Amino acid sequence: MIQFGEWLPDQPDMNNQLVQALNVVPIANGYKSLNAFSAFSGSASDTILGIYSAKADDGTANLFAGDSTRLYEFNPATSALDDISGGTYSLGTNERWRFVQFGNQVITSGGIGEYLQEYTLGSSTQFATLSTDAPKADYIAVVRDFVFTGNIDEGSGRKPYRVKWSGFNDPTSWTSGTNQSDFQDCVDSGAITGIVGGEYATILLERGIFRATYSGLPLVFQFDKVESQRGCKISGTVCNVGSLVFFYSDSGFFAFDGQGTTAIGENKVDDFFKEDCDFSYKNLITSSTDPINQIAMWSYVSNENTTGTPDRLLIFNYNLGRWSLANLEANLLVPFFTAGYTLEQLDNVSTSIETLPASLDSNVWRGGDYFFGGALGDKIYTMTGSPLEATIETGEIPLAAGKHNFLSRVYPYYEKGTASIQVGTRDNMSDDPTFTSLVSPNTDNYANFRAQGRYHRVRMKMTGEWKSVQGIDIEAREIGRR
């Protein structure tokens, strides 16, 4: 069997494992299906700029969202996004809502034009200003027992290189020198473009990466510049799973493990992304990780796009180190969990079981379980739709060096769904391949062809409720030189 291996668009077509892996997710033995977006919520007033789910101490799940002027809570009884704004907001073109949970408090930053907003799970009915002493900030994270902010404005203008953290175990305390609250300027590295919390803070800047480690008084946090060769200039490319942080630098995609960076896109997808992404819309790039499927995703506007809506997903399986691509519109990518539904509340989603966007046993309706979704326009979406139509295309297979070959059969290996096959041929490396018509496998599970040429490639399309694809076998013979 010719197994469907790694998608390597940066490599030549000859002897390449795959030149196309579209609308699929890499797995150890091939690729599996990627589900379409399915609308989950009612509409916000504008394009959604942030989504976050949180659990109270009693296990109750809450789902929040925000657009440029409002903050919302998802209402499972009506599927509406209820306005729970605590004031009047006006997010700028490049700003987004970023949320964290600190105990039973959900705290969100909306850029340097907005005070930090707070919602107490189980008691609040709307968001409210956390503290007027807190800085306004583009980025927010929880580091141990502190709330961290970065790229901030404390009232005297933006300090793009400054981080400031709250008092110990008190997100309302922001007086420097009191209760371990303080600030730090990360100099010589440009503006902060992301902060990832946890046991320590990973602070990404345009030209470097700092690590802030708790040391107690008098320093409180020790700041070390652990990466000076590269940084992150596009904030939307920062995503993480635990302490492993992914980002895009001037030289491609990288992963940071707390100590240093590793190239993950070099000679694989970096060149493809530079050619395919319309960087005039770089402020619309979003990214997130799906820990259940062990993948990271980046949504961006392609150069083929004419609407300005992000239409491509670049997908990375971080356990396998393999990539794929998808054509899917998404303004935002995020993992979250939802409040549970009763059977009566499902009527608000659809009056017919057959037209529900997910099956009745899906985690979507149970609530409290982790799954992947995002936003498109003014609605929250989940990746629970039907499998997207997929295309897998092998690199060229030189069956006999310098000779013409006649390919007569292709045997596809897949699970579920419907497969159809094309064979592409060319005689000279300077020619574009010519493809046959699509052929469906017969009852003996092979597709017949009369494909003649020096170089052959196979394109396989999957439709319907397909599950996975593994590879192909072929039958071919030499027919001499010409």
Protein backbone atom coordinates (compact mmCIF):
# COMPACT_ATOMS: atom_id res chain seq x y z
CA MET A 1 0.00 0.00 0.00
CA ILE A 2 1.15 3.53 -0.77
CA GLN A 3 0.28 5.14 2.55
CA PHE A 4 -0.92 8.71 2.66
CA GLY A 5 2.03 10.29 4.44
CA GLU A 6 2.98 13.83 5.31
CA TRP A 7 1.61 16.85 3.44
CA LEU A 8 4.65 18.86 2.33
CA PRO A 9 3.56 21.75 0.09
CA ASP A 10 6.99 23.40 0.38
CA GLN A 11 8.64 20.43 -1.38
CA PRO A 12 8.67 19.60 -5.12
CA ASP A 13 5.88 17.39 -6.43
CA MET A 14 8.27 14.63 -7.55
CA ASN A 15 8.57 11.90 -4.88
CA ASN A 16 6.58 14.06 -2.49
CA GLN A 17 4.38 12.11 -0.11
CA LEU A 18 1.36 14.39 -0.51
CA VAL A 19 0.89 17.63 -2.43
CA GLN A 20 -2.66 18.14 -1.15
CA ALA A 21 -4.36 17.27 2.14
CA LEU A 22 -7.52 19.38 2.09
CA ASN A 23 -10.31 19.34 4.70
CA VAL A 24 -8.67 16.56 6.69
CA VAL A 25 -6.94 16.13 10.05
CA PRO A 26 -3.61 14.23 10.30
CA ILE A 27 -3.65 10.99 12.28
CA ALA A 28 -0.98 8.33 12.80
CA ASN A 29 -2.19 6.13 9.94
CA GLY A 30 -3.48 8.61 7.37
CA TYR A 31 -6.08 11.34 7.79
CA LYS A 32 -9.53 11.63 9.35
CA SER A 33 -12.50 13.80 8.50
CA LEU A 34 -12.95 17.41 9.59
CA ASN A 35 -16.49 18.45 10.48
CA ALA A 36 -18.09 21.63 9.17
CA PHE A 37 -19.15 24.53 11.35
CA SER A 38 -22.72 24.38 12.64
CA ALA A 39 -24.49 27.43 14.11
CA PHE A 40 -24.94 27.05 17.87
CA SER A 41 -26.14 30.40 19.20
CA GLY A 42 -28.34 33.28 18.28
CA SER A 43 -26.83 36.49 16.96
CA ALA A 44 -24.75 39.10 18.68
CA SER A 45 -24.93 42.72 17.53
CA ASP A 46 -21.68 42.48 15.58
CA THR A 47 -18.85 40.10 14.70
CA ILE A 48 -17.87 38.10 17.78
CA LEU A 49 -14.40 39.01 19.06
CA GLY A 50 -14.04 36.63 21.98
CA ILE A 51 -15.56 33.45 23.45
CA TYR A 52 -14.89 31.87 26.84
CA SER A 53 -16.41 29.11 28.96
CA ALA A 54 -16.06 28.82 32.73
CA LYS A 55 -17.24 26.51 35.49
CA ALA A 56 -18.40 27.63 38.91
CA ASP A 57 -17.46 25.74 42.06
CA ASP A 58 -20.69 23.74 41.84
CA GLY A 59 -19.84 22.57 38.30
CA THR A 60 -22.29 24.89 36.54
CA ALA A 61 -20.99 25.84 33.10
CA ASN A 62 -21.27 29.35 31.68
CA LEU A 63 -20.47 30.44 28.13
CA PHE A 64 -19.52 34.08 27.44
CA ALA A 65 -18.88 36.05 24.26
CA GLY A 66 -18.16 39.62 23.25
CA ASP A 67 -18.30 41.82 20.18
CA SER A 68 -17.04 45.37 19.65
CA THR A 69 -19.70 46.98 21.86
CA ARG A 70 -21.21 44.31 24.13
CA LEU A 71 -20.53 41.30 26.36
CA TYR A 72 -22.91 38.34 26.33
CA GLU A 73 -23.83 35.12 28.12
CA PHE A 74 -25.21 32.18 26.16
CA ASN A 75 -28.73 31.26 27.28
CA PRO A 76 -29.46 27.52 26.76
CA ALA A 77 -33.16 28.12 27.37
CA THR A 78 -33.44 30.32 24.29
CA SER A 79 -30.10 29.82 22.45
CA ALA A 80 -29.79 33.61 22.57
CA LEU A 81 -26.75 35.63 23.49
CA ASP A 82 -28.05 37.71 26.40
CA ASP A 83 -26.50 41.15 26.77
CA ILE A 84 -24.77 41.30 30.16
CA SER A 85 -22.61 44.35 29.46
CA GLY A 86 -21.63 46.41 32.46
CA GLY A 87 -21.00 49.56 30.49
CA THR A 88 -20.47 51.01 27.03
CA TYR A 89 -17.58 49.44 25.13
CA SER A 90 -15.87 50.36 21.89
CA LEU A 91 -13.14 47.95 20.83
CA GLY A 92 -10.74 49.10 18.14
CA THR A 93 -10.08 47.43 14.80
CA ASN A 94 -7.23 45.26 16.09
CA GLU A 95 -8.65 44.57 19.56
CA ARG A 96 -10.31 41.43 20.95
CA TRP A 97 -11.87 40.28 24.19
CA ARG A 98 -9.48 37.97 26.07
CA PHE A 99 -10.83 36.09 29.10
CA VAL A 100 -9.38 34.31 32.13
CA GLN A 101 -10.92 32.61 35.15
CA PHE A 102 -9.58 33.44 38.61
CA GLY A 103 -11.45 31.34 41.17
CA ASN A 104 -15.12 32.12 40.66
CA GLN A 105 -14.34 35.33 38.79
CA VAL A 106 -14.26 35.64 35.01
CA ILE A 107 -12.08 38.60 34.02
CA THR A 108 -11.79 39.98 30.50
CA SER A 109 -9.64 42.59 28.80
CA GLY A 110 -10.80 44.46 25.70
CA GLY A 111 -7.76 46.50 24.80
CA ILE A 112 -6.42 49.80 26.07
CA GLY A 113 -9.75 51.56 25.64
CA GLU A 114 -11.58 49.43 28.21
CA TYR A 115 -11.24 48.80 31.93
CA LEU A 116 -10.86 45.14 32.90
CA GLN A 117 -14.34 43.64 33.31
CA GLU A 118 -15.33 41.06 35.95
CA TYR A 119 -18.20 38.60 36.36
CA THR A 120 -18.62 36.48 39.50
CA LEU A 121 -20.00 33.04 38.68
CA GLY A 122 -23.13 32.17 40.62
CA SER A 123 -23.96 35.72 41.72
CA SER A 124 -23.36 38.32 39.00
CA THR A 125 -26.00 39.24 36.46
CA GLN A 126 -23.72 41.40 34.32
CA PHE A 127 -20.07 42.31 33.93
CA ALA A 128 -18.67 45.21 35.95
CA THR A 129 -15.39 47.12 36.09
CA LEU A 130 -12.89 45.04 38.08
CA SER A 131 -10.97 48.00 39.46
CA THR A 132 -10.19 51.47 38.15
CA ASP A 133 -6.67 50.94 39.53
CA ALA A 134 -6.12 48.05 37.14
CA PRO A 135 -4.43 48.84 33.83
CA LYS A 136 -6.26 48.69 30.55
CA ALA A 137 -4.61 45.93 28.56
CA ASP A 138 -4.48 44.06 25.28
CA TYR A 139 -3.43 40.76 26.91
CA ILE A 140 -4.34 38.97 30.13
CA ALA A 141 -3.34 35.69 31.79
CA VAL A 142 -3.36 33.99 35.18
CA VAL A 143 0.11 33.14 36.50
CA ARG A 144 0.07 31.16 39.75
CA ASP A 145 -1.91 33.40 42.15
CA PHE A 146 -1.69 36.58 40.09
CA VAL A 147 -3.51 38.18 37.17
CA PHE A 148 -0.99 39.33 34.54
CA THR A 149 -1.64 42.05 31.95
CA GLY A 150 0.53 43.12 29.03
CA ASN A 151 0.76 45.90 26.43
CA ILE A 152 -1.03 48.23 28.82
CA ASP A 153 -2.22 51.74 29.53
CA GLU A 154 -2.29 52.87 33.18
CA GLY A 155 -3.69 56.27 32.29
CA SER A 156 -0.59 57.96 30.91
CA GLY A 157 -0.58 56.34 27.45
CA ARG A 158 0.21 52.94 26.02
CA LYS A 159 3.25 51.05 27.31
CA PRO A 160 3.45 48.27 24.68
CA TYR A 161 6.48 46.60 26.32
CA ARG A 162 5.16 46.60 29.93
CA VAL A 163 3.56 43.82 31.97
CA LYS A 164 1.80 44.48 35.26
CA TRP A 165 0.40 41.96 37.71
CA SER A 166 -2.17 42.11 40.47
CA GLY A 167 -1.70 41.57 44.18
CA PHE A 168 -1.23 38.05 45.52
CA ASN A 169 -4.55 36.19 45.26
CA ASP A 170 -6.35 39.51 44.78
CA PRO A 171 -7.19 40.59 41.20
CA THR A 172 -8.61 43.91 42.51
CA SER A 173 -5.27 45.02 44.03
CA TRP A 174 -2.99 46.84 41.56
CA THR A 175 -0.89 49.29 43.61
CA SER A 176 2.75 48.61 42.81
CA GLY A 177 4.67 47.54 45.91
CA THR A 178 1.52 46.47 47.76
CA ASN A 179 0.61 42.80 48.25
CA GLN A 180 3.32 41.82 45.70
CA SER A 181 1.70 43.76 42.85
CA ASP A 182 4.25 45.33 40.51
CA PHE A 183 5.26 45.85 36.88
CA GLN A 184 8.18 45.05 34.57
CA ASP A 185 9.32 46.59 31.30
CA CYS A 186 10.57 44.05 28.75
CA VAL A 187 12.99 46.23 26.82
CA ASP A 188 14.78 45.86 23.48
CA SER A 189 12.22 43.42 22.06
CA GLY A 190 9.39 45.56 20.69
CA ALA A 191 5.74 45.35 21.69
CA ILE A 192 4.16 42.51 23.64
CA THR A 193 2.04 40.34 21.32
CA GLY A 194 0.84 37.66 23.72
CA ILE A 195 0.99 36.26 27.26
CA VAL A 196 0.48 32.62 28.24
CA GLY A 197 -0.05 31.86 31.91
CA GLY A 198 0.35 28.86 34.17
CA GLU A 199 3.13 28.05 36.61
CA TYR A 200 5.18 30.77 34.90
CA ALA A 201 4.43 33.51 32.36
CA THR A 202 5.50 33.23 28.75
CA ILE A 203 5.62 36.77 27.34
CA LEU A 204 5.90 36.99 23.56
CA LEU A 205 7.16 40.18 21.97
CA GLU A 206 7.90 41.22 18.41
CA ARG A 207 11.62 40.40 18.71
CA GLY A 208 11.96 38.02 21.62
CA ILE A 209 10.38 35.89 24.34
CA PHE A 210 10.60 36.49 28.10
CA ARG A 211 9.86 34.01 30.87
CA ALA A 212 8.63 35.34 34.23
CA THR A 213 9.10 32.93 37.15
CA TYR A 214 7.75 33.54 40.64
CA SER A 215 10.59 34.08 43.13
CA GLY A 216 8.83 35.76 46.06
CA LEU A 217 9.83 39.01 47.69
CA PRO A 218 11.64 41.26 47.01
CA LEU A 219 11.60 40.64 43.22
CA VAL A 220 8.28 38.74 43.19
CA PHE A 221 8.94 37.60 39.59
CA GLN A 222 12.27 36.96 37.89
CA PHE A 223 12.28 37.94 34.22
CA ASP A 224 14.61 36.13 31.81
CA LYS A 225 14.90 36.77 28.08
CA VAL A 226 14.98 33.16 26.90
CA GLU A 227 14.68 33.80 23.15
CA SER A 228 16.41 36.68 21.41
CA GLN A 229 16.63 35.29 17.85
CA ARG A 230 12.94 35.54 17.05
CA GLY A 231 9.64 36.80 18.35
CA CYS A 232 5.99 36.99 17.32
CA LYS A 233 4.71 39.95 15.31
CA ILE A 234 1.14 38.66 14.74
CA SER A 235 -0.68 38.30 18.05
CA GLY A 236 -3.45 36.16 16.57
CA THR A 237 -0.98 33.34 15.85
CA VAL A 238 -0.27 32.70 19.55
CA CYS A 239 -1.96 29.60 20.98
CA ASN A 240 -0.95 26.97 23.49
CA VAL A 241 -1.59 23.58 25.01
CA GLY A 242 -0.35 23.73 28.58
CA SER A 243 3.12 25.26 28.61
CA LEU A 244 3.74 24.47 24.92
CA VAL A 245 3.21 27.70 22.98
CA PHE A 246 2.85 27.96 19.21
CA PHE A 247 3.37 31.17 17.24
CA TYR A 248 4.36 32.56 13.85
CA SER A 249 7.53 34.62 13.49
CA ASP A 250 9.10 36.36 10.51
CA SER A 251 10.83 33.07 9.67
CA GLY A 252 7.88 30.70 10.05
CA PHE A 253 5.96 28.66 12.62
CA PHE A 254 7.62 27.77 15.93
CA ALA A 255 6.87 26.04 19.22
CA PHE A 256 8.20 27.33 22.56
CA ASP A 257 8.51 24.84 25.45
CA GLY A 258 9.56 27.21 28.22
CA GLN A 259 13.27 26.90 27.44
CA GLY A 260 13.64 27.56 23.72
CA THR A 261 11.98 27.45 20.31
CA THR A 262 11.70 24.68 17.74
CA ALA A 263 10.80 25.18 14.07
CA ILE A 264 7.63 23.26 13.20
CA GLY A 265 6.92 24.61 9.69
CA GLU A 266 10.38 24.77 8.13
CA ASN A 267 10.57 22.93 4.76
CA LYS A 268 6.94 21.91 5.32
CA VAL A 269 4.39 24.75 5.26
CA ASP A 270 6.23 28.02 5.95
CA ASP A 271 6.68 28.93 2.27
CA PHE A 272 3.13 27.85 1.47
CA PHE A 273 1.70 30.06 4.22
CA LYS A 274 3.74 33.08 3.11
CA GLU A 275 2.31 32.69 -0.41
CA ASP A 276 -1.25 31.76 0.55
CA CYS A 277 -1.95 34.23 3.38
CA ASP A 278 -3.15 37.74 2.60
CA PHE A 279 -1.10 39.61 5.19
CA SER A 280 -3.05 42.81 4.64
CA TYR A 281 -5.65 41.06 6.85
CA LYS A 282 -3.17 39.79 9.44
CA ASN A 283 -5.22 41.41 12.22
CA LEU A 284 -7.98 38.86 11.44
CA ILE A 285 -5.76 35.82 12.06
CA THR A 286 -6.90 33.74 15.03
CA SER A 287 -5.60 30.47 16.43
CA SER A 288 -6.35 27.90 19.07
CA THR A 289 -5.62 24.34 20.12
CA ASP A 290 -7.93 21.36 20.29
CA PRO A 291 -6.38 19.12 22.98
CA ILE A 292 -8.84 16.29 22.34
CA ASN A 293 -7.62 15.88 18.76
CA GLN A 294 -4.11 17.13 19.66
CA ILE A 295 -4.07 19.78 16.96
CA ALA A 296 -3.39 23.50 16.67
CA MET A 297 -5.26 25.58 14.09
CA TRP A 298 -4.71 28.96 12.46
CA SER A 299 -7.55 30.75 10.63
CA TYR A 300 -6.57 33.36 8.03
CA VAL A 301 -7.66 35.17 4.89
CA SER A 302 -6.21 33.54 1.77
CA ASN A 303 -5.06 35.39 -1.32
CA GLU A 304 -7.90 33.70 -3.23
CA ASN A 305 -10.47 35.34 -0.96
CA THR A 306 -12.50 38.34 -2.15
CA THR A 307 -14.69 38.92 0.95
CA GLY A 308 -12.11 39.65 3.66
CA THR A 309 -13.53 36.88 5.87
CA PRO A 310 -10.94 34.33 7.05
CA ASP A 311 -11.49 31.31 4.79
CA ARG A 312 -8.55 28.95 5.45
CA LEU A 313 -7.49 26.76 8.36
CA LEU A 314 -3.90 25.59 8.67
CA ILE A 315 -3.92 22.54 10.94
CA PHE A 316 -0.96 21.07 12.87
CA ASN A 317 -0.98 17.76 14.75
CA TYR A 318 1.58 18.62 17.42
CA ASN A 319 2.09 14.99 18.49
CA LEU A 320 2.86 13.78 14.97
CA GLY A 321 4.44 16.97 13.62
CA ARG A 322 2.18 16.80 10.54
CA TRP A 323 0.05 19.43 8.81
CA SER A 324 -3.12 19.72 6.73
CA LEU A 325 -5.31 22.46 5.24
CA ALA A 326 -9.03 23.24 5.26
CA ASN A 327 -11.35 25.58 3.40
CA LEU A 328 -13.57 26.80 6.23
CA GLU A 329 -14.69 30.30 7.11
CA ALA A 330 -14.09 31.24 10.75
CA ASN A 331 -13.68 34.63 12.41
CA LEU A 332 -12.57 32.99 15.65
CA LEU A 333 -11.29 29.61 16.82
CA VAL A 334 -11.66 28.49 20.42
CA PRO A 335 -12.21 25.35 22.53
CA PHE A 336 -15.05 25.64 25.04
CA PHE A 337 -17.79 23.81 26.88
CA THR A 338 -21.41 24.75 27.17
CA ALA A 339 -24.21 24.79 29.67
CA GLY A 340 -26.35 21.66 29.52
CA TYR A 341 -29.69 21.44 27.70
CA THR A 342 -32.96 19.88 28.75
CA LEU A 343 -35.00 18.10 26.08
CA GLU A 344 -37.45 21.00 26.15
CA GLN A 345 -34.65 23.49 25.52
CA LEU A 346 -33.58 21.59 22.41
CA ASP A 347 -36.75 22.93 20.77
CA ASN A 348 -35.03 26.31 20.73
CA VAL A 349 -32.31 24.86 18.53
CA SER A 350 -34.56 22.89 16.18
CA THR A 351 -38.11 21.62 16.26
CA SER A 352 -37.00 18.37 14.60
CA ILE A 353 -34.50 15.83 15.94
CA GLU A 354 -33.42 15.13 12.35
CA THR A 355 -32.28 18.72 11.81
CA LEU A 356 -30.34 19.21 15.06
CA PRO A 357 -26.74 20.30 14.30
CA ALA A 358 -25.43 17.38 16.39
CA SER A 359 -26.78 14.00 17.50
CA LEU A 360 -28.67 13.70 20.79
CA ASP A 361 -25.74 11.88 22.45
CA SER A 362 -23.30 14.67 21.52
CA ASN A 363 -21.35 16.44 24.27
CA VAL A 364 -22.77 19.70 22.90
CA TRP A 365 -26.12 19.09 24.62
CA ARG A 366 -24.76 17.45 27.79
CA GLY A 367 -22.86 20.53 28.84
CA GLY A 368 -19.65 20.84 30.80
CA ASP A 369 -17.65 18.78 28.30
CA TYR A 370 -14.75 20.15 26.28
CA PHE A 371 -15.05 20.48 22.51
CA PHE A 372 -13.91 22.71 19.67
CA GLY A 373 -15.71 25.52 17.89
CA GLY A 374 -15.50 29.23 17.32
CA ALA A 375 -17.40 32.06 15.68
CA LEU A 376 -18.42 33.08 12.20
CA GLY A 377 -19.81 36.58 11.99
CA ASP A 378 -22.16 37.27 14.89
CA LYS A 379 -22.84 33.66 15.99
CA ILE A 380 -21.06 30.97 17.98
CA TYR A 381 -20.43 27.81 15.97
CA THR A 382 -19.40 24.27 16.84
CA MET A 383 -17.48 21.81 14.67
CA THR A 384 -20.30 19.29 14.78
CA GLY A 385 -21.57 19.50 11.21
CA SER A 386 -21.17 16.88 8.51
CA PRO A 387 -17.66 15.92 7.36
CA LEU A 388 -16.27 18.36 4.82
CA GLU A 389 -15.62 17.06 1.30
CA ALA A 390 -11.95 16.15 1.31
CA THR A 391 -9.18 15.89 -1.27
CA ILE A 392 -5.95 13.90 -0.91
CA GLU A 393 -3.38 14.06 -3.71
CA THR A 394 -0.14 12.14 -3.83
CA GLY A 395 3.11 13.48 -5.14
CA GLU A 396 4.31 12.10 -8.44
CA ILE A 397 5.26 8.44 -8.63
CA PRO A 398 8.00 7.66 -11.21
CA LEU A 399 7.00 4.05 -11.88
CA ALA A 400 9.99 3.40 -14.18
CA ALA A 401 12.71 5.99 -14.74
CA GLY A 402 12.58 7.56 -18.20
CA LYS A 403 9.86 5.21 -19.46
CA HIS A 404 6.20 5.54 -20.22
CA ASN A 405 3.84 3.61 -17.98
CA PHE A 406 0.25 2.53 -18.23
CA LEU A 407 -1.71 2.80 -14.95
CA SER A 408 -4.80 0.61 -15.07
CA ARG A 409 -6.16 0.31 -11.53
CA VAL A 410 -6.26 2.21 -8.24
CA TYR A 411 -7.34 0.52 -5.01
CA PRO A 412 -8.35 3.09 -2.33
CA TYR A 413 -8.26 2.32 1.39
CA TYR A 414 -10.74 4.26 3.49
CA GLU A 415 -13.50 3.93 6.10
CA LYS A 416 -17.10 4.96 5.44
CA GLY A 417 -18.32 7.57 2.99
CA THR A 418 -17.85 7.62 -0.77
CA ALA A 419 -14.51 7.71 -2.59
CA SER A 420 -13.80 8.82 -6.15
CA ILE A 421 -10.44 8.76 -7.90
CA GLN A 422 -8.53 10.73 -10.54
CA VAL A 423 -5.14 10.00 -12.05
CA GLY A 424 -2.88 12.82 -13.19
CA THR A 425 -0.14 12.28 -15.78
CA ARG A 426 2.55 14.25 -17.58
CA ASP A 427 5.50 13.40 -19.80
CA ASN A 428 7.78 16.36 -19.10
CA MET A 429 8.64 18.10 -15.86
CA SER A 430 7.82 21.46 -17.46
CA ASP A 431 4.20 20.41 -18.18
CA ASP A 432 1.21 20.67 -15.89
CA PRO A 433 -0.41 17.30 -15.08
CA THR A 434 -3.55 16.30 -16.96
CA PHE A 435 -6.19 14.55 -14.86
CA THR A 436 -8.72 11.93 -15.85
CA SER A 437 -12.38 12.21 -14.96
CA LEU A 438 -13.42 11.09 -11.49
CA VAL A 439 -13.94 7.32 -11.28
CA SER A 440 -15.76 5.52 -8.47
CA PRO A 441 -14.45 2.16 -7.23
CA ASN A 442 -16.42 -0.86 -8.38
CA THR A 443 -17.79 -3.65 -6.18
CA ASP A 444 -14.29 -5.16 -6.03
CA ASN A 445 -13.02 -1.84 -4.61
CA TYR A 446 -10.86 -0.67 -7.47
CA ALA A 447 -11.22 2.07 -10.07
CA ASN A 448 -10.31 1.33 -13.70
CA PHE A 449 -8.12 3.71 -15.73
CA ARG A 450 -6.18 3.95 -18.98
CA ALA A 451 -3.71 6.57 -17.78
CA GLN A 452 -0.48 6.77 -19.76
CA GLY A 453 2.58 8.94 -19.07
CA ARG A 454 6.05 9.12 -17.57
CA TYR A 455 4.87 10.54 -14.26
CA HIS A 456 1.71 9.65 -12.35
CA ARG A 457 -0.11 11.04 -9.32
CA VAL A 458 -3.43 10.02 -7.73
CA ARG A 459 -6.11 12.33 -6.40
CA MET A 460 -8.75 10.91 -4.06
CA LYS A 461 -11.94 12.73 -3.09
CA MET A 462 -14.09 11.76 -0.11
CA THR A 463 -17.75 12.71 0.36
CA GLY A 464 -20.60 11.73 2.63
CA GLU A 465 -20.16 10.60 6.22
CA TRP A 466 -16.61 9.46 5.69
CA LYS A 467 -14.34 8.65 8.62
CA SER A 468 -10.72 8.17 7.53
CA VAL A 469 -8.40 7.51 4.59
CA GLN A 470 -5.21 5.46 4.73
CA GLY A 471 -3.72 5.11 1.23
CA ILE A 472 -3.91 3.40 -2.15
CA ASP A 473 -2.55 0.51 -4.19
CA ILE A 474 -2.02 0.73 -7.95
CA GLU A 475 -1.58 -1.60 -10.90
CA ALA A 476 0.70 -0.34 -13.69
CA ARG A 477 3.08 -1.62 -16.34
CA GLU A 478 5.87 -0.26 -18.52
CA ILE A 479 5.10 0.42 -22.18
CA GLY A 480 8.58 1.45 -23.33
CA ARG A 481 10.28 4.70 -24.32
CA ARG A 482 9.16 7.44 -26.66
